[in-house]
Amino acid sequence: MSSEERGRASYLDLLITTLMEHEKNLDSLVERLERLCENFQNTYEGASAKAKEPAALKEKGETIPPEQDTVVYMKLKLRREIDEAVKIIESLKE
């Protein structure tokens, strides 16, 4: 085997090893995404079922229990320290 052939063989070995690692990483990421999608779907189904409950209560003339919390999702882009951001969020709660 000439030095050029050995160089090509080494390059191919490196390429194969790298591609195998990428494939393992991709498989891991795809599995994580599948679990996340399942969790989101379960959460959505649970939330939609709970959203229907107050409507059913209103139809029956019953009141909605006051202990139900409201979830608010906000995406904030702040270029501030975490402490300042927490104070801002706390002030929004009031």
PDB file of N, CA and C in Angstrom:
ATOM      1  N   MET A   1       0.840  -1.163   0.000  1.00  0.00           N
ATOM      2  CA  MET A   1       0.000   0.000   0.000  1.00  0.00           C
ATOM      3  C   MET A   1       0.896   1.241   0.000  1.00  0.00           C
ATOM      4  N   SER A   2       0.633   2.132  -0.926  1.00  0.00           N
ATOM      5  CA  SER A   2       1.451   3.342  -1.013  1.00  0.00           C
ATOM      6  C   SER A   2       1.006   4.338   0.059  1.00  0.00           C
ATOM      7  N   SER A   3       1.816   5.365   0.233  1.00  0.00           N
ATOM      8  CA  SER A   3       1.482   6.371   1.251  1.00  0.00           C
ATOM      9  C   SER A   3       0.211   7.129   0.868  1.00  0.00           C
ATOM     10  N   GLU A   4      -0.009   7.314  -0.432  1.00  0.00           N
ATOM     11  CA  GLU A   4      -1.232   7.989  -0.871  1.00  0.00           C
ATOM     12  C   GLU A   4      -2.462   7.151  -0.550  1.00  0.00           C
ATOM     13  N   GLU A   5      -2.367   5.840  -0.744  1.00  0.00           N
ATOM     14  CA  GLU A   5      -3.497   4.954  -0.437  1.00  0.00           C
ATOM     15  C   GLU A   5      -3.758   4.903   1.064  1.00  0.00           C
ATOM     16  N   ARG A   6      -2.678   4.906   1.850  1.00  0.00           N
ATOM     17  CA  ARG A   6      -2.841   4.907   3.308  1.00  0.00           C
ATOM     18  C   ARG A   6      -3.495   6.209   3.766  1.00  0.00           C
ATOM     19  N   GLY A   7      -3.126   7.311   3.140  1.00  0.00           N
ATOM     20  CA  GLY A   7      -3.730   8.598   3.479  1.00  0.00           C
ATOM     21  C   GLY A   7      -5.215   8.607   3.167  1.00  0.00           C
ATOM     22  N   ARG A   8      -5.579   8.049   2.020  1.00  0.00           N
ATOM     23  CA  ARG A   8      -6.998   7.974   1.650  1.00  0.00           C
ATOM     24  C   ARG A   8      -7.763   7.071   2.608  1.00  0.00           C
ATOM     25  N   ALA A   9      -7.139   5.944   2.965  1.00  0.00           N
ATOM     26  CA  ALA A   9      -7.797   5.017   3.892  1.00  0.00           C
ATOM     27  C   ALA A   9      -7.998   5.689   5.252  1.00  0.00           C
ATOM     28  N   SER A  10      -7.007   6.427   5.707  1.00  0.00           N
ATOM     29  CA  SER A  10      -7.135   7.129   6.991  1.00  0.00           C
ATOM     30  C   SER A  10      -8.235   8.180   6.914  1.00  0.00           C
ATOM     31  N   TYR A  11      -8.276   8.900   5.812  1.00  0.00           N
ATOM     32  CA  TYR A  11      -9.312   9.915   5.627  1.00  0.00           C
ATOM     33  C   TYR A  11     -10.689   9.273   5.621  1.00  0.00           C
ATOM     34  N   LEU A  12     -10.830   8.152   4.911  1.00  0.00           N
ATOM     35  CA  LEU A  12     -12.121   7.462   4.859  1.00  0.00           C
ATOM     36  C   LEU A  12     -12.524   6.944   6.234  1.00  0.00           C
ATOM     37  N   ASP A  13     -11.551   6.421   6.999  1.00  0.00           N
ATOM     38  CA  ASP A  13     -11.855   5.968   8.358  1.00  0.00           C
ATOM     39  C   ASP A  13     -12.361   7.124   9.213  1.00  0.00           C
ATOM     40  N   LEU A  14     -11.684   8.269   9.114  1.00  0.00           N
ATOM     41  CA  LEU A  14     -12.099   9.439   9.871  1.00  0.00           C
ATOM     42  C   LEU A  14     -13.490   9.894   9.442  1.00  0.00           C
ATOM     43  N   LEU A  15     -13.738   9.906   8.145  1.00  0.00           N
ATOM     44  CA  LEU A  15     -15.036  10.311   7.625  1.00  0.00           C
ATOM     45  C   LEU A  15     -16.140   9.377   8.112  1.00  0.00           C
ATOM     46  N   ILE A  16     -15.886   8.089   8.068  1.00  0.00           N
ATOM     47  CA  ILE A  16     -16.880   7.109   8.514  1.00  0.00           C
ATOM     48  C   ILE A  16     -17.158   7.267   9.998  1.00  0.00           C
ATOM     49  N   THR A  17     -16.123   7.446  10.789  1.00  0.00           N
ATOM     50  CA  THR A  17     -16.297   7.622  12.228  1.00  0.00           C
ATOM     51  C   THR A  17     -17.097   8.879  12.532  1.00  0.00           C
ATOM     52  N   THR A  18     -16.768   9.958  11.842  1.00  0.00           N
ATOM     53  CA  THR A  18     -17.477  11.218  12.056  1.00  0.00           C
ATOM     54  C   THR A  18     -18.947  11.082  11.678  1.00  0.00           C
ATOM     55  N   LEU A  19     -19.230  10.473  10.546  1.00  0.00           N
ATOM     56  CA  LEU A  19     -20.616  10.292  10.116  1.00  0.00           C
ATOM     57  C   LEU A  19     -21.396   9.404  11.074  1.00  0.00           C
ATOM     58  N   MET A  20     -20.744   8.386  11.627  1.00  0.00           N
ATOM     59  CA  MET A  20     -21.425   7.517  12.588  1.00  0.00           C
ATOM     60  C   MET A  20     -21.769   8.293  13.856  1.00  0.00           C
ATOM     61  N   GLU A  21     -20.881   9.163  14.317  1.00  0.00           N
ATOM     62  CA  GLU A  21     -21.159   9.978  15.496  1.00  0.00           C
ATOM     63  C   GLU A  21     -22.307  10.948  15.225  1.00  0.00           C
ATOM     64  N   HIS A  22     -22.298  11.543  14.042  1.00  0.00           N
ATOM     65  CA  HIS A  22     -23.399  12.452  13.683  1.00  0.00           C
ATOM     66  C   HIS A  22     -24.730  11.701  13.630  1.00  0.00           C
ATOM     67  N   GLU A  23     -24.711  10.497  13.109  1.00  0.00           N
ATOM     68  CA  GLU A  23     -25.937   9.703  13.049  1.00  0.00           C
ATOM     69  C   GLU A  23     -26.455   9.390  14.452  1.00  0.00           C
ATOM     70  N   LYS A  24     -25.553   9.035  15.368  1.00  0.00           N
ATOM     71  CA  LYS A  24     -25.957   8.774  16.752  1.00  0.00           C
ATOM     72  C   LYS A  24     -26.550  10.029  17.384  1.00  0.00           C
ATOM     73  N   ASN A  25     -25.903  11.173  17.164  1.00  0.00           N
ATOM     74  CA  ASN A  25     -26.414  12.432  17.712  1.00  0.00           C
ATOM     75  C   ASN A  25     -27.778  12.771  17.137  1.00  0.00           C
ATOM     76  N   LEU A  26     -27.934  12.579  15.831  1.00  0.00           N
ATOM     77  CA  LEU A  26     -29.231  12.856  15.202  1.00  0.00           C
ATOM     78  C   LEU A  26     -30.317  11.941  15.751  1.00  0.00           C
ATOM     79  N   ASP A  27     -29.997  10.659  15.930  1.00  0.00           N
ATOM     80  CA  ASP A  27     -30.979   9.735  16.493  1.00  0.00           C
ATOM     81  C   ASP A  27     -31.402  10.180  17.884  1.00  0.00           C
ATOM     82  N   SER A  28     -30.431  10.588  18.678  1.00  0.00           N
ATOM     83  CA  SER A  28     -30.731  11.057  20.030  1.00  0.00           C
ATOM     84  C   SER A  28     -31.626  12.296  19.995  1.00  0.00           C
ATOM     85  N   LEU A  29     -31.302  13.243  19.113  1.00  0.00           N
ATOM     86  CA  LEU A  29     -32.104  14.456  19.000  1.00  0.00           C
ATOM     87  C   LEU A  29     -33.513  14.171  18.505  1.00  0.00           C
ATOM     88  N   VAL A  30     -33.644  13.262  17.567  1.00  0.00           N
ATOM     89  CA  VAL A  30     -34.970  12.905  17.048  1.00  0.00           C
ATOM     90  C   VAL A  30     -35.805  12.254  18.147  1.00  0.00           C
ATOM     91  N   GLU A  31     -35.190  11.391  18.962  1.00  0.00           N
ATOM     92  CA  GLU A  31     -35.917  10.771  20.063  1.00  0.00           C
ATOM     93  C   GLU A  31     -36.387  11.826  21.063  1.00  0.00           C
ATOM     94  N   ARG A  32     -35.529  12.796  21.372  1.00  0.00           N
ATOM     95  CA  ARG A  32     -35.905  13.865  22.296  1.00  0.00           C
ATOM     96  C   ARG A  32     -37.054  14.697  21.724  1.00  0.00           C
ATOM     97  N   LEU A  33     -36.988  14.986  20.426  1.00  0.00           N
ATOM     98  CA  LEU A  33     -38.069  15.740  19.787  1.00  0.00           C
ATOM     99  C   LEU A  33     -39.383  14.967  19.814  1.00  0.00           C
ATOM    100  N   GLU A  34     -39.318  13.673  19.602  1.00  0.00           N
ATOM    101  CA  GLU A  34     -40.530  12.857  19.656  1.00  0.00           C
ATOM    102  C   GLU A  34     -41.151  12.898  21.047  1.00  0.00           C
ATOM    103  N   ARG A  35     -40.306  12.788  22.090  1.00  0.00           N
ATOM    104  CA  ARG A  35     -40.830  12.861  23.462  1.00  0.00           C
ATOM    105  C   ARG A  35     -41.439  14.234  23.729  1.00  0.00           C
ATOM    106  N   LEU A  36     -40.774  15.287  23.269  1.00  0.00           N
ATOM    107  CA  LEU A  36     -41.312  16.639  23.459  1.00  0.00           C
ATOM    108  C   LEU A  36     -42.656  16.804  22.766  1.00  0.00           C
ATOM    109  N   CYS A  37     -42.753  16.299  21.548  1.00  0.00           N
ATOM    110  CA  CYS A  37     -44.018  16.395  20.811  1.00  0.00           C
ATOM    111  C   CYS A  37     -45.127  15.646  21.536  1.00  0.00           C
ATOM    112  N   GLU A  38     -44.809  14.473  22.061  1.00  0.00           N
ATOM    113  CA  GLU A  38     -45.807  13.717  22.815  1.00  0.00           C
ATOM    114  C   GLU A  38     -46.232  14.478  24.065  1.00  0.00           C
ATOM    115  N   ASN A  39     -45.253  15.068  24.762  1.00  0.00           N
ATOM    116  CA  ASN A  39     -45.580  15.846  25.963  1.00  0.00           C
ATOM    117  C   ASN A  39     -46.437  17.055  25.619  1.00  0.00           C
ATOM    118  N   PHE A  40     -46.097  17.757  24.543  1.00  0.00           N
ATOM    119  CA  PHE A  40     -46.893  18.906  24.127  1.00  0.00           C
ATOM    120  C   PHE A  40     -48.306  18.484  23.759  1.00  0.00           C
ATOM    121  N   GLN A  41     -48.411  17.366  23.052  1.00  0.00           N
ATOM    122  CA  GLN A  41     -49.726  16.894  22.654  1.00  0.00           C
ATOM    123  C   GLN A  41     -50.559  16.534  23.888  1.00  0.00           C
ATOM    124  N   ASN A  42     -49.952  15.846  24.850  1.00  0.00           N
ATOM    125  CA  ASN A  42     -50.671  15.491  26.073  1.00  0.00           C
ATOM    126  C   ASN A  42     -51.077  16.740  26.845  1.00  0.00           C
ATOM    127  N   THR A  43     -50.179  17.712  26.911  1.00  0.00           N
ATOM    128  CA  THR A  43     -50.482  18.959  27.605  1.00  0.00           C
ATOM    129  C   THR A  43     -51.608  19.697  26.906  1.00  0.00           C
ATOM    130  N   TYR A  44     -51.560  19.754  25.586  1.00  0.00           N
ATOM    131  CA  TYR A  44     -52.598  20.435  24.817  1.00  0.00           C
ATOM    132  C   TYR A  44     -53.946  19.762  25.016  1.00  0.00           C
ATOM    133  N   GLU A  45     -53.953  18.438  24.958  1.00  0.00           N
ATOM    134  CA  GLU A  45     -55.212  17.712  25.139  1.00  0.00           C
ATOM    135  C   GLU A  45     -55.765  17.936  26.540  1.00  0.00           C
ATOM    136  N   GLY A  46     -54.878  17.940  27.532  1.00  0.00           N
ATOM    137  CA  GLY A  46     -55.318  18.203  28.905  1.00  0.00           C
ATOM    138  C   GLY A  46     -55.852  19.610  29.066  1.00  0.00           C
ATOM    139  N   ALA A  47     -55.169  20.567  28.441  1.00  0.00           N
ATOM    140  CA  ALA A  47     -55.603  21.962  28.538  1.00  0.00           C
ATOM    141  C   ALA A  47     -56.923  22.179  27.815  1.00  0.00           C
ATOM    142  N   SER A  48     -57.082  21.553  26.660  1.00  0.00           N
ATOM    143  CA  SER A  48     -58.337  21.742  25.931  1.00  0.00           C
ATOM    144  C   SER A  48     -59.498  21.092  26.670  1.00  0.00           C
ATOM    145  N   ALA A  49     -59.232  19.989  27.369  1.00  0.00           N
ATOM    146  CA  ALA A  49     -60.286  19.350  28.154  1.00  0.00           C
ATOM    147  C   ALA A  49     -60.674  20.240  29.327  1.00  0.00           C
ATOM    148  N   LYS A  50     -59.668  20.862  29.960  1.00  0.00           N
ATOM    149  CA  LYS A  50     -59.957  21.750  31.086  1.00  0.00           C
ATOM    150  C   LYS A  50     -60.648  23.030  30.621  1.00  0.00           C
ATOM    151  N   ALA A  51     -60.334  23.477  29.422  1.00  0.00           N
ATOM    152  CA  ALA A  51     -60.963  24.687  28.895  1.00  0.00           C
ATOM    153  C   ALA A  51     -62.451  24.453  28.649  1.00  0.00           C
ATOM    154  N   LYS A  52     -62.811  23.236  28.329  1.00  0.00           N
ATOM    155  CA  LYS A  52     -64.216  22.926  28.093  1.00  0.00           C
ATOM    156  C   LYS A  52     -64.998  22.842  29.402  1.00  0.00           C
ATOM    157  N   GLU A  53     -64.318  22.519  30.499  1.00  0.00           N
ATOM    158  CA  GLU A  53     -64.999  22.367  31.783  1.00  0.00           C
ATOM    159  C   GLU A  53     -65.685  23.649  32.238  1.00  0.00           C
ATOM    160  N   PRO A  54     -65.029  24.820  32.219  1.00  0.00           N
ATOM    161  CA  PRO A  54     -65.733  26.041  32.645  1.00  0.00           C
ATOM    162  C   PRO A  54     -66.958  26.346  31.791  1.00  0.00           C
ATOM    163  N   ALA A  55     -66.881  26.067  30.496  1.00  0.00           N
ATOM    164  CA  ALA A  55     -68.034  26.315  29.630  1.00  0.00           C
ATOM    165  C   ALA A  55     -69.197  25.411  30.034  1.00  0.00           C
ATOM    166  N   ALA A  56     -68.872  24.165  30.368  1.00  0.00           N
ATOM    167  CA  ALA A  56     -69.921  23.241  30.807  1.00  0.00           C
ATOM    168  C   ALA A  56     -70.509  23.692  32.140  1.00  0.00           C
ATOM    169  N   LEU A  57     -69.649  24.235  33.007  1.00  0.00           N
ATOM    170  CA  LEU A  57     -70.145  24.728  34.296  1.00  0.00           C
ATOM    171  C   LEU A  57     -71.085  25.910  34.107  1.00  0.00           C
ATOM    172  N   LYS A  58     -70.735  26.807  33.189  1.00  0.00           N
ATOM    173  CA  LYS A  58     -71.580  27.973  32.940  1.00  0.00           C
ATOM    174  C   LYS A  58     -72.940  27.555  32.390  1.00  0.00           C
ATOM    175  N   GLU A  59     -72.932  26.535  31.508  1.00  0.00           N
ATOM    176  CA  GLU A  59     -74.186  26.061  30.939  1.00  0.00           C
ATOM    177  C   GLU A  59     -75.106  25.500  32.026  1.00  0.00           C
ATOM    178  N   LYS A  60     -74.490  24.863  33.021  1.00  0.00           N
ATOM    179  CA  LYS A  60     -75.264  24.277  34.101  1.00  0.00           C
ATOM    180  C   LYS A  60     -75.651  25.322  35.141  1.00  0.00           C
ATOM    181  N   GLY A  61     -75.128  26.528  35.009  1.00  0.00           N
ATOM    182  CA  GLY A  61     -75.441  27.578  35.968  1.00  0.00           C
ATOM    183  C   GLY A  61     -74.512  27.573  37.169  1.00  0.00           C
ATOM    184  N   GLU A  62     -73.469  26.742  37.135  1.00  0.00           N
ATOM    185  CA  GLU A  62     -72.516  26.683  38.238  1.00  0.00           C
ATOM    186  C   GLU A  62     -71.422  27.718  38.014  1.00  0.00           C
ATOM    187  N   THR A  63     -70.742  28.067  39.075  1.00  0.00           N
ATOM    188  CA  THR A  63     -69.658  29.044  38.955  1.00  0.00           C
ATOM    189  C   THR A  63     -68.322  28.334  38.830  1.00  0.00           C
ATOM    190  N   ILE A  64     -67.374  29.054  38.284  1.00  0.00           N
ATOM    191  CA  ILE A  64     -66.024  28.522  38.132  1.00  0.00           C
ATOM    192  C   ILE A  64     -65.303  28.698  39.458  1.00  0.00           C
ATOM    193  N   PRO A  65     -64.660  27.641  39.948  1.00  0.00           N
ATOM    194  CA  PRO A  65     -63.953  27.753  41.224  1.00  0.00           C
ATOM    195  C   PRO A  65     -62.867  28.824  41.161  1.00  0.00           C
ATOM    196  N   PRO A  66     -62.782  29.692  42.186  1.00  0.00           N
ATOM    197  CA  PRO A  66     -61.805  30.779  42.158  1.00  0.00           C
ATOM    198  C   PRO A  66     -60.362  30.309  42.281  1.00  0.00           C
ATOM    199  N   GLU A  67     -60.133  29.062  42.706  1.00  0.00           N
ATOM    200  CA  GLU A  67     -58.762  28.607  42.882  1.00  0.00           C
ATOM    201  C   GLU A  67     -58.081  28.241  41.563  1.00  0.00           C
ATOM    202  N   GLN A  68     -58.810  28.272  40.469  1.00  0.00           N
ATOM    203  CA  GLN A  68     -58.181  27.988  39.189  1.00  0.00           C
ATOM    204  C   GLN A  68     -57.247  29.137  38.833  1.00  0.00           C
ATOM    205  N   ASP A  69     -56.041  28.785  38.475  1.00  0.00           N
ATOM    206  CA  ASP A  69     -55.047  29.785  38.121  1.00  0.00           C
ATOM    207  C   ASP A  69     -55.063  30.043  36.627  1.00  0.00           C
ATOM    208  N   THR A  70     -54.636  31.219  36.281  1.00  0.00           N
ATOM    209  CA  THR A  70     -54.499  31.588  34.884  1.00  0.00           C
ATOM    210  C   THR A  70     -53.018  31.549  34.530  1.00  0.00           C
ATOM    211  N   VAL A  71     -52.698  30.915  33.436  1.00  0.00           N
ATOM    212  CA  VAL A  71     -51.320  30.843  32.986  1.00  0.00           C
ATOM    213  C   VAL A  71     -51.127  31.860  31.876  1.00  0.00           C
ATOM    214  N   VAL A  72     -50.120  32.685  32.036  1.00  0.00           N
ATOM    215  CA  VAL A  72     -49.811  33.690  31.032  1.00  0.00           C
ATOM    216  C   VAL A  72     -48.411  33.410  30.517  1.00  0.00           C
ATOM    217  N   TYR A  73     -48.279  33.321  29.215  1.00  0.00           N
ATOM    218  CA  TYR A  73     -46.976  33.085  28.604  1.00  0.00           C
ATOM    219  C   TYR A  73     -46.515  34.383  27.968  1.00  0.00           C
ATOM    220  N   MET A  74     -45.326  34.792  28.334  1.00  0.00           N
ATOM    221  CA  MET A  74     -44.765  36.006  27.748  1.00  0.00           C
ATOM    222  C   MET A  74     -43.329  35.725  27.345  1.00  0.00           C
ATOM    223  N   LYS A  75     -42.976  36.214  26.212  1.00  0.00           N
ATOM    224  CA  LYS A  75     -41.598  36.112  25.763  1.00  0.00           C
ATOM    225  C   LYS A  75     -41.028  37.523  25.803  1.00  0.00           C
ATOM    226  N   LEU A  76     -40.023  37.713  26.641  1.00  0.00           N
ATOM    227  CA  LEU A  76     -39.441  39.030  26.821  1.00  0.00           C
ATOM    228  C   LEU A  76     -37.990  39.027  26.371  1.00  0.00           C
ATOM    229  N   LYS A  77     -37.634  40.042  25.627  1.00  0.00           N
ATOM    230  CA  LYS A  77     -36.241  40.228  25.258  1.00  0.00           C
ATOM    231  C   LYS A  77     -35.724  41.409  26.055  1.00  0.00           C
ATOM    232  N   LEU A  78     -35.029  41.105  27.110  1.00  0.00           N
ATOM    233  CA  LEU A  78     -34.516  42.162  27.967  1.00  0.00           C
ATOM    234  C   LEU A  78     -32.994  42.091  27.971  1.00  0.00           C
ATOM    235  N   ARG A  79     -32.409  43.210  27.851  1.00  0.00           N
ATOM    236  CA  ARG A  79     -30.952  43.251  27.954  1.00  0.00           C
ATOM    237  C   ARG A  79     -30.606  43.847  29.311  1.00  0.00           C
ATOM    238  N   ARG A  80     -31.092  43.165  30.326  1.00  0.00           N
ATOM    239  CA  ARG A  80     -30.901  43.611  31.698  1.00  0.00           C
ATOM    240  C   ARG A  80     -30.427  42.425  32.528  1.00  0.00           C
ATOM    241  N   GLU A  81     -30.033  42.726  33.732  1.00  0.00           N
ATOM    242  CA  GLU A  81     -29.647  41.682  34.666  1.00  0.00           C
ATOM    243  C   GLU A  81     -30.879  40.880  35.060  1.00  0.00           C
ATOM    244  N   ILE A  82     -30.667  39.654  35.482  1.00  0.00           N
ATOM    245  CA  ILE A  82     -31.762  38.775  35.867  1.00  0.00           C
ATOM    246  C   ILE A  82     -32.578  39.389  37.009  1.00  0.00           C
ATOM    247  N   ASP A  83     -31.901  39.988  37.992  1.00  0.00           N
ATOM    248  CA  ASP A  83     -32.611  40.584  39.127  1.00  0.00           C
ATOM    249  C   ASP A  83     -33.581  41.668  38.665  1.00  0.00           C
ATOM    250  N   GLU A  84     -33.148  42.482  37.723  1.00  0.00           N
ATOM    251  CA  GLU A  84     -34.015  43.541  37.210  1.00  0.00           C
ATOM    252  C   GLU A  84     -35.208  42.952  36.471  1.00  0.00           C
ATOM    253  N   ALA A  85     -34.948  41.905  35.670  1.00  0.00           N
ATOM    254  CA  ALA A  85     -36.033  41.260  34.924  1.00  0.00           C
ATOM    255  C   ALA A  85     -37.051  40.652  35.880  1.00  0.00           C
ATOM    256  N   VAL A  86     -36.576  40.050  36.965  1.00  0.00           N
ATOM    257  CA  VAL A  86     -37.486  39.465  37.951  1.00  0.00           C
ATOM    258  C   VAL A  86     -38.337  40.554  38.598  1.00  0.00           C
ATOM    259  N   LYS A  87     -37.742  41.696  38.913  1.00  0.00           N
ATOM    260  CA  LYS A  87     -38.496  42.801  39.508  1.00  0.00           C
ATOM    261  C   LYS A  87     -39.568  43.309  38.537  1.00  0.00           C
ATOM    262  N   ILE A  88     -39.219  43.389  37.259  1.00  0.00           N
ATOM    263  CA  ILE A  88     -40.188  43.832  36.255  1.00  0.00           C
ATOM    264  C   ILE A  88     -41.362  42.861  36.190  1.00  0.00           C
ATOM    265  N   ILE A  89     -41.058  41.581  36.164  1.00  0.00           N
ATOM    266  CA  ILE A  89     -42.117  40.569  36.088  1.00  0.00           C
ATOM    267  C   ILE A  89     -42.970  40.605  37.339  1.00  0.00           C
ATOM    268  N   GLU A  90     -42.343  40.752  38.499  1.00  0.00           N
ATOM    269  CA  GLU A  90     -43.097  40.838  39.743  1.00  0.00           C
ATOM    270  C   GLU A  90     -44.043  42.035  39.732  1.00  0.00           C
ATOM    271  N   SER A  91     -43.564  43.159  39.182  1.00  0.00           N
ATOM    272  CA  SER A  91     -44.423  44.335  39.139  1.00  0.00           C
ATOM    273  C   SER A  91     -45.588  44.130  38.180  1.00  0.00           C
ATOM    274  N   LEU A  92     -45.411  43.314  37.144  1.00  0.00           N
ATOM    275  CA  LEU A  92     -46.504  43.030  36.225  1.00  0.00           C
ATOM    276  C   LEU A  92     -47.566  42.157  36.861  1.00  0.00           C
ATOM    277  N   LYS A  93     -47.185  41.355  37.835  1.00  0.00           N
ATOM    278  CA  LYS A  93     -48.152  40.487  38.511  1.00  0.00           C
ATOM    279  C   LYS A  93     -49.166  41.287  39.308  1.00  0.00           C
ATOM    280  N   GLU A  94     -48.742  42.444  39.824  1.00  0.00           N
ATOM    281  CA  GLU A  94     -49.601  43.238  40.708  1.00  0.00           C
ATOM    282  C   GLU A  94     -50.679  43.923  39.985  1.00  0.00           C
TER     283      GLU A  94
END
